C-alpha atoms as a PDB file:
ATOM      1  CA  MET A   1     -10.761  32.913  13.011  1.00  0.00           C
ATOM      2  CA  SER A   2      -7.690  35.068  12.457  1.00  0.00           C
ATOM      3  CA  PHE A   3      -5.256  34.231   9.680  1.00  0.00           C
ATOM      4  CA  LYS A   4      -1.546  34.978   9.737  1.00  0.00           C
ATOM      5  CA  LYS A   5       0.987  33.919   7.142  1.00  0.00           C
ATOM      6  CA  ILE A   6       3.516  32.221   9.371  1.00  0.00           C
ATOM      7  CA  THR A   7       5.271  31.020   6.223  1.00  0.00           C
ATOM      8  CA  GLU A   8       6.222  34.667   5.589  1.00  0.00           C
ATOM      9  CA  SER A   9       7.520  35.267   9.118  1.00  0.00           C
ATOM     10  CA  VAL A  10      11.048  36.605   9.478  1.00  0.00           C
ATOM     11  CA  SER A  11      13.696  33.912   9.877  1.00  0.00           C
ATOM     12  CA  ASN A  12      15.051  33.131  13.311  1.00  0.00           C
ATOM     13  CA  TYR A  13      18.512  33.657  11.812  1.00  0.00           C
ATOM     14  CA  ASP A  14      20.134  36.759  10.377  1.00  0.00           C
ATOM     15  CA  HIS A  15      23.303  37.736   8.523  1.00  0.00           C
ATOM     16  CA  LEU A  16      23.231  34.422   6.664  1.00  0.00           C
ATOM     17  CA  GLU A  17      25.811  35.699   4.208  1.00  0.00           C
ATOM     18  CA  LYS A  18      28.310  35.983   7.061  1.00  0.00           C
ATOM     19  CA  MET A  19      27.887  32.362   8.181  1.00  0.00           C
ATOM     20  CA  THR A  20      30.397  29.680   7.290  1.00  0.00           C
ATOM     21  CA  ILE A  21      29.219  26.660   5.315  1.00  0.00           C
ATOM     22  CA  ASP A  22      29.453  24.671   8.553  1.00  0.00           C
ATOM     23  CA  GLU A  23      27.182  27.160  10.318  1.00  0.00           C
ATOM     24  CA  LEU A  24      24.713  27.253   7.433  1.00  0.00           C
ATOM     25  CA  THR A  25      24.267  23.496   7.179  1.00  0.00           C
ATOM     26  CA  LYS A  26      24.148  23.075  10.963  1.00  0.00           C
ATOM     27  CA  ASN A  27      21.405  25.683  11.334  1.00  0.00           C
ATOM     28  CA  ILE A  28      19.392  24.391   8.371  1.00  0.00           C
ATOM     29  CA  ASN A  29      19.591  20.921   9.901  1.00  0.00           C
ATOM     30  CA  ILE A  30      18.355  22.252  13.238  1.00  0.00           C
ATOM     31  CA  GLU A  31      15.316  23.712  11.495  1.00  0.00           C
ATOM     32  CA  ASP A  32      14.713  20.553   9.453  1.00  0.00           C
ATOM     33  CA  LYS A  33      14.612  18.433  12.618  1.00  0.00           C
ATOM     34  CA  SER A  34      11.497  20.299  13.738  1.00  0.00           C
ATOM     35  CA  VAL A  35       9.463  19.311  10.673  1.00  0.00           C
ATOM     36  CA  ALA A  36       8.666  15.740  11.737  1.00  0.00           C
ATOM     37  CA  TYR A  37       7.331  17.002  15.068  1.00  0.00           C
ATOM     38  CA  ALA A  38       5.076  19.469  13.264  1.00  0.00           C
ATOM     39  CA  VAL A  39       3.758  16.622  11.107  1.00  0.00           C
ATOM     40  CA  GLU A  40       3.171  14.481  14.201  1.00  0.00           C
ATOM     41  CA  LYS A  41       0.756  17.080  15.569  1.00  0.00           C
ATOM     42  CA  GLU A  42      -1.480  16.605  12.502  1.00  0.00           C
ATOM     43  CA  LEU A  43      -1.564  12.804  12.371  1.00  0.00           C
ATOM     44  CA  ARG A  44      -5.244  12.598  13.303  1.00  0.00           C
ATOM     45  CA  ASN A  45      -6.225  14.877  10.433  1.00  0.00           C
ATOM     46  CA  ILE A  46      -3.869  13.054   8.079  1.00  0.00           C
ATOM     47  CA  ASN A  47      -5.454   9.749   9.098  1.00  0.00           C
ATOM     48  CA  ASN A  48      -8.978  11.063   8.488  1.00  0.00           C
ATOM     49  CA  LEU A  49      -8.017  12.195   4.995  1.00  0.00           C
ATOM     50  CA  ILE A  50      -6.410   8.838   4.154  1.00  0.00           C
ATOM     51  CA  VAL A  51      -9.476   6.901   5.315  1.00  0.00           C
ATOM     52  CA  LYS A  52     -11.628   8.994   2.985  1.00  0.00           C
ATOM     53  CA  VAL A  53      -9.210   8.566   0.057  1.00  0.00           C
ATOM     54  CA  ILE A  54      -9.286   4.777   0.477  1.00  0.00           C
ATOM     55  CA  SER A  55     -13.074   4.864   0.624  1.00  0.00           C
ATOM     56  CA  GLN A  56     -13.248   6.902  -2.594  1.00  0.00           C
ATOM     57  CA  MET A  57     -10.817   4.617  -4.411  1.00  0.00           C
ATOM     58  CA  LYS A  58     -12.778   1.533  -3.413  1.00  0.00           C
ATOM     59  CA  LYS A  59     -15.698   3.146  -5.236  1.00  0.00           C
ATOM     60  CA  GLY A  60     -13.555   3.516  -8.327  1.00  0.00           C
ATOM     61  CA  GLY A  61     -12.428   7.059  -7.624  1.00  0.00           C
ATOM     62  CA  ARG A  62      -9.062   8.701  -8.129  1.00  0.00           C
ATOM     63  CA  LEU A  63      -6.783  10.918  -6.051  1.00  0.00           C
ATOM     64  CA  PHE A  64      -5.887  14.330  -7.481  1.00  0.00           C
ATOM     65  CA  TYR A  65      -3.156  16.645  -6.230  1.00  0.00           C
ATOM     66  CA  ILE A  66      -3.360  20.255  -7.363  1.00  0.00           C
ATOM     67  CA  GLY A  67      -0.858  23.006  -6.610  1.00  0.00           C
ATOM     68  CA  SER A  68       1.526  25.583  -8.005  1.00  0.00           C
ATOM     69  CA  GLY A  69       5.301  26.006  -7.893  1.00  0.00           C
ATOM     70  CA  THR A  70       7.086  23.763  -5.405  1.00  0.00           C
ATOM     71  CA  SER A  71       3.805  22.442  -4.026  1.00  0.00           C
ATOM     72  CA  GLY A  72       2.563  21.461  -7.475  1.00  0.00           C
ATOM     73  CA  ARG A  73       5.861  19.771  -8.324  1.00  0.00           C
ATOM     74  CA  LEU A  74       5.795  17.753  -5.100  1.00  0.00           C
ATOM     75  CA  GLY A  75       2.303  16.505  -5.936  1.00  0.00           C
ATOM     76  CA  ILE A  76       3.416  15.465  -9.401  1.00  0.00           C
ATOM     77  CA  VAL A  77       6.458  13.635  -8.008  1.00  0.00           C
ATOM     78  CA  ASP A  78       4.348  11.702  -5.512  1.00  0.00           C
ATOM     79  CA  ALA A  79       1.734  10.806  -8.131  1.00  0.00           C
ATOM     80  CA  SER A  80       4.360   9.706 -10.651  1.00  0.00           C
ATOM     81  CA  GLU A  81       5.973   7.330  -8.161  1.00  0.00           C
ATOM     82  CA  CYS A  82       2.796   5.337  -7.473  1.00  0.00           C
ATOM     83  CA  PRO A  83       2.695   3.266 -10.703  1.00  0.00           C
ATOM     84  CA  PRO A  84       6.273   1.906 -10.508  1.00  0.00           C
ATOM     85  CA  THR A  85       6.113   1.394  -6.739  1.00  0.00           C
ATOM     86  CA  PHE A  86       2.667  -0.163  -6.422  1.00  0.00           C
ATOM     87  CA  GLY A  87       1.842  -1.317  -9.945  1.00  0.00           C
ATOM     88  CA  VAL A  88      -1.214   0.912 -10.251  1.00  0.00           C
ATOM     89  CA  SER A  89      -2.472   2.822 -13.281  1.00  0.00           C
ATOM     90  CA  HIS A  90      -1.059   6.264 -14.046  1.00  0.00           C
ATOM     91  CA  GLU A  91      -4.671   7.437 -13.911  1.00  0.00           C
ATOM     92  CA  LEU A  92      -5.199   6.485 -10.244  1.00  0.00           C
ATOM     93  CA  VAL A  93      -3.141   9.280  -8.645  1.00  0.00           C
ATOM     94  CA  ILE A  94      -2.850  12.429 -10.749  1.00  0.00           C
ATOM     95  CA  GLY A  95      -0.760  15.527 -10.116  1.00  0.00           C
ATOM     96  CA  ILE A  96      -1.794  18.872 -11.626  1.00  0.00           C
ATOM     97  CA  ILE A  97       0.340  22.030 -11.552  1.00  0.00           C
ATOM     98  CA  ALA A  98      -0.580  25.622 -12.365  1.00  0.00           C
ATOM     99  CA  GLY A  99       0.883  26.437 -15.772  1.00  0.00           C
ATOM    100  CA  GLY A 100       0.831  22.838 -17.004  1.00  0.00           C
ATOM    101  CA  ASP A 101       3.757  20.535 -17.668  1.00  0.00           C
ATOM    102  CA  LYS A 102       5.972  23.465 -18.641  1.00  0.00           C
ATOM    103  CA  ALA A 103       5.785  24.678 -15.036  1.00  0.00           C
ATOM    104  CA  ILE A 104       7.355  21.465 -13.739  1.00  0.00           C
ATOM    105  CA  ARG A 105      10.755  22.770 -14.843  1.00  0.00           C
ATOM    106  CA  LYS A 106      10.276  26.518 -15.178  1.00  0.00           C
ATOM    107  CA  SER A 107       8.091  29.051 -13.427  1.00  0.00           C
ATOM    108  CA  VAL A 108       5.055  30.167 -15.417  1.00  0.00           C
ATOM    109  CA  GLU A 109       4.288  33.802 -14.661  1.00  0.00           C
ATOM    110  CA  LYS A 110       1.039  34.444 -12.765  1.00  0.00           C
ATOM    111  CA  ALA A 111      -0.315  30.926 -13.434  1.00  0.00           C
ATOM    112  CA  GLU A 112      -1.119  30.528  -9.746  1.00  0.00           C
ATOM    113  CA  ASP A 113      -3.178  33.739  -9.655  1.00  0.00           C
ATOM    114  CA  ASP A 114      -6.031  32.434 -11.829  1.00  0.00           C
ATOM    115  CA  MET A 115      -9.037  31.439  -9.682  1.00  0.00           C
ATOM    116  CA  GLU A 116     -10.784  29.668 -12.576  1.00  0.00           C
ATOM    117  CA  LYS A 117      -7.944  27.696 -14.171  1.00  0.00           C
ATOM    118  CA  GLY A 118      -7.585  25.053 -11.436  1.00  0.00           C
ATOM    119  CA  TRP A 119     -11.161  23.863 -11.890  1.00  0.00           C
ATOM    120  CA  PHE A 120     -10.750  24.041 -15.662  1.00  0.00           C
ATOM    121  CA  ASP A 121      -7.692  21.760 -15.417  1.00  0.00           C
ATOM    122  CA  LEU A 122      -9.532  19.301 -13.159  1.00  0.00           C
ATOM    123  CA  LYS A 123     -12.472  19.098 -15.562  1.00  0.00           C
ATOM    124  CA  LYS A 124     -10.113  17.844 -18.287  1.00  0.00           C
ATOM    125  CA  PHE A 125     -10.044  14.577 -16.338  1.00  0.00           C
ATOM    126  CA  ASN A 126     -13.849  14.283 -16.131  1.00  0.00           C
ATOM    127  CA  ILE A 127     -13.681  14.551 -12.353  1.00  0.00           C
ATOM    128  CA  THR A 128     -16.631  13.092 -10.408  1.00  0.00           C
ATOM    129  CA  LYS A 129     -17.999  12.753  -6.872  1.00  0.00           C
ATOM    130  CA  ASP A 130     -16.110   9.451  -6.535  1.00  0.00           C
ATOM    131  CA  ASP A 131     -12.751  11.255  -6.760  1.00  0.00           C
ATOM    132  CA  PHE A 132     -10.813  13.104  -4.062  1.00  0.00           C
ATOM    133  CA  VAL A 133      -8.888  16.355  -4.554  1.00  0.00           C
ATOM    134  CA  VAL A 134      -6.009  17.543  -2.346  1.00  0.00           C
ATOM    135  CA  GLY A 135      -4.902  21.158  -2.695  1.00  0.00           C
ATOM    136  CA  ILE A 136      -1.227  21.626  -1.877  1.00  0.00           C
ATOM    137  CA  THR A 137      -0.121  25.146  -0.975  1.00  0.00           C
ATOM    138  CA  ALA A 138       2.292  26.270   1.725  1.00  0.00           C
ATOM    139  CA  SER A 139       0.623  29.670   2.087  1.00  0.00           C
ATOM    140  CA  GLY A 140      -2.932  28.356   2.021  1.00  0.00           C
ATOM    141  CA  THR A 141      -3.969  31.250  -0.221  1.00  0.00           C
ATOM    142  CA  THR A 142      -3.020  30.273  -3.798  1.00  0.00           C
ATOM    143  CA  PRO A 143      -5.961  31.379  -6.018  1.00  0.00           C
ATOM    144  CA  TYR A 144      -5.429  28.551  -8.535  1.00  0.00           C
ATOM    145  CA  VAL A 145      -5.873  25.978  -5.758  1.00  0.00           C
ATOM    146  CA  LEU A 146      -8.534  27.855  -3.801  1.00  0.00           C
ATOM    147  CA  GLY A 147     -10.773  28.290  -6.840  1.00  0.00           C
ATOM    148  CA  ALA A 148     -10.476  24.601  -7.683  1.00  0.00           C
ATOM    149  CA  LEU A 149     -11.440  23.489  -4.174  1.00  0.00           C
ATOM    150  CA  ILE A 150     -14.399  25.854  -4.014  1.00  0.00           C
ATOM    151  CA  LYS A 151     -15.739  24.463  -7.303  1.00  0.00           C
ATOM    152  CA  CYS A 152     -15.146  20.891  -6.077  1.00  0.00           C
ATOM    153  CA  ASN A 153     -17.184  21.641  -2.973  1.00  0.00           C
ATOM    154  CA  MET A 154     -19.996  23.074  -5.116  1.00  0.00           C
ATOM    155  CA  ASN A 155     -19.999  19.823  -7.108  1.00  0.00           C
ATOM    156  CA  LYS A 156     -19.898  17.612  -3.987  1.00  0.00           C
ATOM    157  CA  ILE A 157     -16.390  16.326  -4.734  1.00  0.00           C
ATOM    158  CA  PRO A 158     -14.581  15.664  -1.421  1.00  0.00           C
ATOM    159  CA  THR A 159     -11.514  17.823  -0.806  1.00  0.00           C
ATOM    160  CA  GLY A 160      -8.474  18.078   1.417  1.00  0.00           C
ATOM    161  CA  CYS A 161      -5.420  20.284   1.631  1.00  0.00           C
ATOM    162  CA  ILE A 162      -1.840  20.389   2.864  1.00  0.00           C
ATOM    163  CA  THR A 163      -0.841  23.849   4.002  1.00  0.00           C
ATOM    164  CA  CYS A 164       1.577  25.406   6.479  1.00  0.00           C
ATOM    165  CA  ASN A 165      -0.486  28.321   7.813  1.00  0.00           C
ATOM    166  CA  PRO A 166      -3.331  27.882  10.309  1.00  0.00           C
ATOM    167  CA  ASN A 167      -6.893  28.951   9.451  1.00  0.00           C
ATOM    168  CA  SER A 168      -6.039  29.774   5.845  1.00  0.00           C
ATOM    169  CA  PRO A 169      -8.661  30.295   3.106  1.00  0.00           C
ATOM    170  CA  ILE A 170      -7.665  26.924   1.632  1.00  0.00           C
ATOM    171  CA  SER A 171      -8.224  25.142   4.967  1.00  0.00           C
ATOM    172  CA  GLU A 172     -11.564  26.876   5.434  1.00  0.00           C
ATOM    173  CA  ASN A 173     -12.728  25.685   2.015  1.00  0.00           C
ATOM    174  CA  CYS A 174     -11.961  21.975   2.152  1.00  0.00           C
ATOM    175  CA  ASN A 175     -13.402  18.976   3.977  1.00  0.00           C
ATOM    176  CA  TYR A 176     -10.171  17.461   5.288  1.00  0.00           C
ATOM    177  CA  PRO A 177      -7.610  20.181   6.069  1.00  0.00           C
ATOM    178  CA  ILE A 178      -4.053  19.286   7.064  1.00  0.00           C
ATOM    179  CA  GLN A 179      -2.093  22.188   8.564  1.00  0.00           C
ATOM    180  CA  ILE A 180       1.611  21.549   9.189  1.00  0.00           C
ATOM    181  CA  ILE A 181       2.851  24.611  11.057  1.00  0.00           C
ATOM    182  CA  VAL A 182       6.615  24.515  10.592  1.00  0.00           C
ATOM    183  CA  GLY A 183       7.248  28.159  11.503  1.00  0.00           C
ATOM    184  CA  PRO A 184       9.609  30.649   9.829  1.00  0.00           C
ATOM    185  CA  GLU A 185      11.907  29.367   7.124  1.00  0.00           C
ATOM    186  CA  PHE A 186      15.702  29.574   7.416  1.00  0.00           C
ATOM    187  CA  VAL A 187      15.642  31.957   4.462  1.00  0.00           C
ATOM    188  CA  THR A 188      12.624  34.187   5.078  1.00  0.00           C
ATOM    189  CA  GLY A 189       9.660  33.096   2.950  1.00  0.00           C
ATOM    190  CA  SER A 190      11.509  30.261   1.174  1.00  0.00           C
ATOM    191  CA  SER A 191       8.742  27.702   1.577  1.00  0.00           C
ATOM    192  CA  ARG A 192      10.545  25.135  -0.593  1.00  0.00           C
ATOM    193  CA  MET A 193      12.523  24.383   2.577  1.00  0.00           C
ATOM    194  CA  LYS A 194      10.686  23.288   5.748  1.00  0.00           C
ATOM    195  CA  ALA A 195       7.218  23.703   4.251  1.00  0.00           C
ATOM    196  CA  GLY A 196       8.220  21.680   1.189  1.00  0.00           C
ATOM    197  CA  THR A 197       9.756  18.987   3.374  1.00  0.00           C
ATOM    198  CA  ALA A 198       6.574  18.793   5.450  1.00  0.00           C
ATOM    199  CA  GLN A 199       4.411  18.509   2.332  1.00  0.00           C
ATOM    200  CA  LYS A 200       6.620  15.740   0.941  1.00  0.00           C
ATOM    201  CA  MET A 201       6.375  13.796   4.207  1.00  0.00           C
ATOM    202  CA  VAL A 202       2.583  14.038   4.261  1.00  0.00           C
ATOM    203  CA  LEU A 203       2.280  13.073   0.600  1.00  0.00           C
ATOM    204  CA  ASN A 204       4.392   9.979   1.298  1.00  0.00           C
ATOM    205  CA  MET A 205       2.058   9.087   4.155  1.00  0.00           C
ATOM    206  CA  ILE A 206      -1.068   9.562   2.062  1.00  0.00           C
ATOM    207  CA  THR A 207      -0.126   7.420  -0.921  1.00  0.00           C
ATOM    208  CA  THR A 208       1.824   4.771   0.988  1.00  0.00           C
ATOM    209  CA  SER A 209      -0.942   4.233   3.559  1.00  0.00           C
ATOM    210  CA  THR A 210      -3.606   4.319   0.854  1.00  0.00           C
ATOM    211  CA  MET A 211      -1.847   1.707  -1.265  1.00  0.00           C
ATOM    212  CA  ILE A 212      -1.326  -0.536   1.758  1.00  0.00           C
ATOM    213  CA  GLY A 213      -5.021  -0.090   2.573  1.00  0.00           C
ATOM    214  CA  LEU A 214      -5.874  -1.154  -0.969  1.00  0.00           C
ATOM    215  CA  GLY A 215      -3.807  -4.341  -0.614  1.00  0.00           C
ATOM    216  CA  LYS A 216      -0.850  -3.282  -2.759  1.00  0.00           C
ATOM    217  CA  VAL A 217       1.743  -4.462  -0.196  1.00  0.00           C
ATOM    218  CA  MET A 218       2.345  -7.993   1.108  1.00  0.00           C
ATOM    219  CA  GLY A 219       4.018  -8.143   4.503  1.00  0.00           C
ATOM    220  CA  ASN A 220       6.372  -5.219   4.023  1.00  0.00           C
ATOM    221  CA  LYS A 221       7.166  -5.816   0.351  1.00  0.00           C
ATOM    222  CA  MET A 222       6.185  -3.943  -2.830  1.00  0.00           C
ATOM    223  CA  VAL A 223       4.901  -7.086  -4.513  1.00  0.00           C
ATOM    224  CA  ASP A 224       3.055  -5.178  -7.252  1.00  0.00           C
ATOM    225  CA  MET A 225       5.986  -2.980  -8.298  1.00  0.00           C
ATOM    226  CA  GLN A 226       6.823  -2.673 -11.977  1.00  0.00           C
ATOM    227  CA  LEU A 227       9.841  -4.710 -13.083  1.00  0.00           C
ATOM    228  CA  SER A 228      11.223  -1.811 -15.104  1.00  0.00           C
ATOM    229  CA  ASN A 229      14.971  -2.246 -14.570  1.00  0.00           C
ATOM    230  CA  GLU A 230      17.607  -4.723 -13.394  1.00  0.00           C
ATOM    231  CA  LYS A 231      17.611  -3.385  -9.851  1.00  0.00           C
ATOM    232  CA  LEU A 232      13.883  -4.039  -9.470  1.00  0.00           C
ATOM    233  CA  ILE A 233      14.125  -7.466 -11.102  1.00  0.00           C
ATOM    234  CA  LYS A 234      16.836  -8.323  -8.581  1.00  0.00           C
ATOM    235  CA  ARG A 235      14.669  -7.012  -5.740  1.00  0.00           C
ATOM    236  CA  GLY A 236      11.691  -9.029  -6.988  1.00  0.00           C
ATOM    237  CA  THR A 237      13.818 -12.156  -7.250  1.00  0.00           C
ATOM    238  CA  ASN A 238      14.975 -11.722  -3.648  1.00  0.00           C
ATOM    239  CA  MET A 239      11.376 -11.227  -2.481  1.00  0.00           C
ATOM    240  CA  ILE A 240      10.301 -14.491  -4.078  1.00  0.00           C
ATOM    241  CA  SER A 241      13.370 -16.338  -2.791  1.00  0.00           C
ATOM    242  CA  GLU A 242      12.773 -15.150   0.776  1.00  0.00           C
ATOM    243  CA  GLN A 243       9.012 -15.708   0.682  1.00  0.00           C
ATOM    244  CA  ILE A 244       8.882 -19.259  -0.687  1.00  0.00           C
ATOM    245  CA  GLY A 245      12.399 -20.578  -0.096  1.00  0.00           C
ATOM    246  CA  LEU A 246      13.621 -20.971  -3.673  1.00  0.00           C
ATOM    247  CA  ASP A 247      17.211 -20.376  -4.676  1.00  0.00           C
ATOM    248  CA  GLU A 248      17.939 -17.242  -6.691  1.00  0.00           C
ATOM    249  CA  VAL A 249      18.003 -18.985 -10.084  1.00  0.00           C
ATOM    250  CA  GLU A 250      14.614 -20.654  -9.603  1.00  0.00           C
ATOM    251  CA  ALA A 251      13.124 -17.497  -8.119  1.00  0.00           C
ATOM    252  CA  LEU A 252      14.228 -15.500 -11.152  1.00  0.00           C
ATOM    253  CA  LYS A 253      12.715 -18.070 -13.516  1.00  0.00           C
ATOM    254  CA  LEU A 254       9.423 -17.875 -11.651  1.00  0.00           C
ATOM    255  CA  LEU A 255       9.463 -14.067 -11.748  1.00  0.00           C
ATOM    256  CA  MET A 256      10.185 -13.950 -15.467  1.00  0.00           C
ATOM    257  CA  LYS A 257       7.408 -16.449 -16.120  1.00  0.00           C
ATOM    258  CA  HIS A 258       4.720 -14.498 -14.290  1.00  0.00           C
ATOM    259  CA  LYS A 259       6.139 -10.939 -14.652  1.00  0.00           C
ATOM    260  CA  SER A 260       4.872 -10.116 -11.154  1.00  0.00           C
ATOM    261  CA  VAL A 261       6.171 -10.823  -7.671  1.00  0.00           C
ATOM    262  CA  ARG A 262       2.650 -11.262  -6.304  1.00  0.00           C
ATOM    263  CA  LYS A 263       1.564 -13.619  -9.091  1.00  0.00           C
ATOM    264  CA  ALA A 264       4.755 -15.641  -8.817  1.00  0.00           C
ATOM    265  CA  ILE A 265       4.329 -16.150  -5.075  1.00  0.00           C
ATOM    266  CA  ASN A 266       0.598 -16.911  -5.277  1.00  0.00           C
ATOM    267  CA  LYS A 267       0.960 -19.332  -8.204  1.00  0.00           C
ATOM    268  CA  HIS A 268       3.760 -21.212  -6.479  1.00  0.00           C
ATOM    269  CA  LYS A 269       1.730 -21.515  -3.266  1.00  0.00           C
ATOM    270  CA  ASN A 270      -1.310 -22.766  -5.180  1.00  0.00           C
ATOM    271  CA  GLU A 271       0.745 -25.366  -7.053  1.00  0.00           C
ATOM    272  CA  SER A 272       2.623 -26.604  -3.976  1.00  0.00           C
END
């Protein structure tokens, strides 16, 4: 199948420097509106990947995101938000970026060009066949990610990807490809824009749906969230108050006693 880097296509807009701020934001917004529709076209493939991730986690496996630049940072952000949101271990969803932690803030020259380093970084976590690895790359060609997925396949570790070009090398070398074709960027080649937005949306879908599938949500509430600040303690108190009909003072006492919204609700129901 033919491969074309749509992410490098020339923008549909020109003379950006001559646009007013009003024109710039209006046109960027027009482009952004198209992203959700591009994601919608891939829902079946997204669903298939999520089903496999849940299956792997029920066997004790973990979810790995691996990428470089913007894509790597997005994976790290999504992974880092799972423990406080769903009360899971920091070792359940793991984000890896080419160049290591330094690359989260600053670009590391040529880190993404190393075909061997991605697999080397995955092996640091003693990766096994029970895990699942998602390569994140807008272009679908990043050597760091491609090399890692190829080695995963050789070791029978299930793989997926999120890319924004059809029929890319990354897609051809993973089990569960997700291809969000968002078209040319507003600024030619600036894949942190629509491509990055698309990747963020899909990552949200993957972890949120997975955690719901693993029973980490009750009704529509984050009952396993970490009570790490006053805002979240207040939210937890309100959840308990609404769920079992206690006033705010009693709900707070119950929350502080059990240190968990889920435990507080379940204990109260069992004792009633």
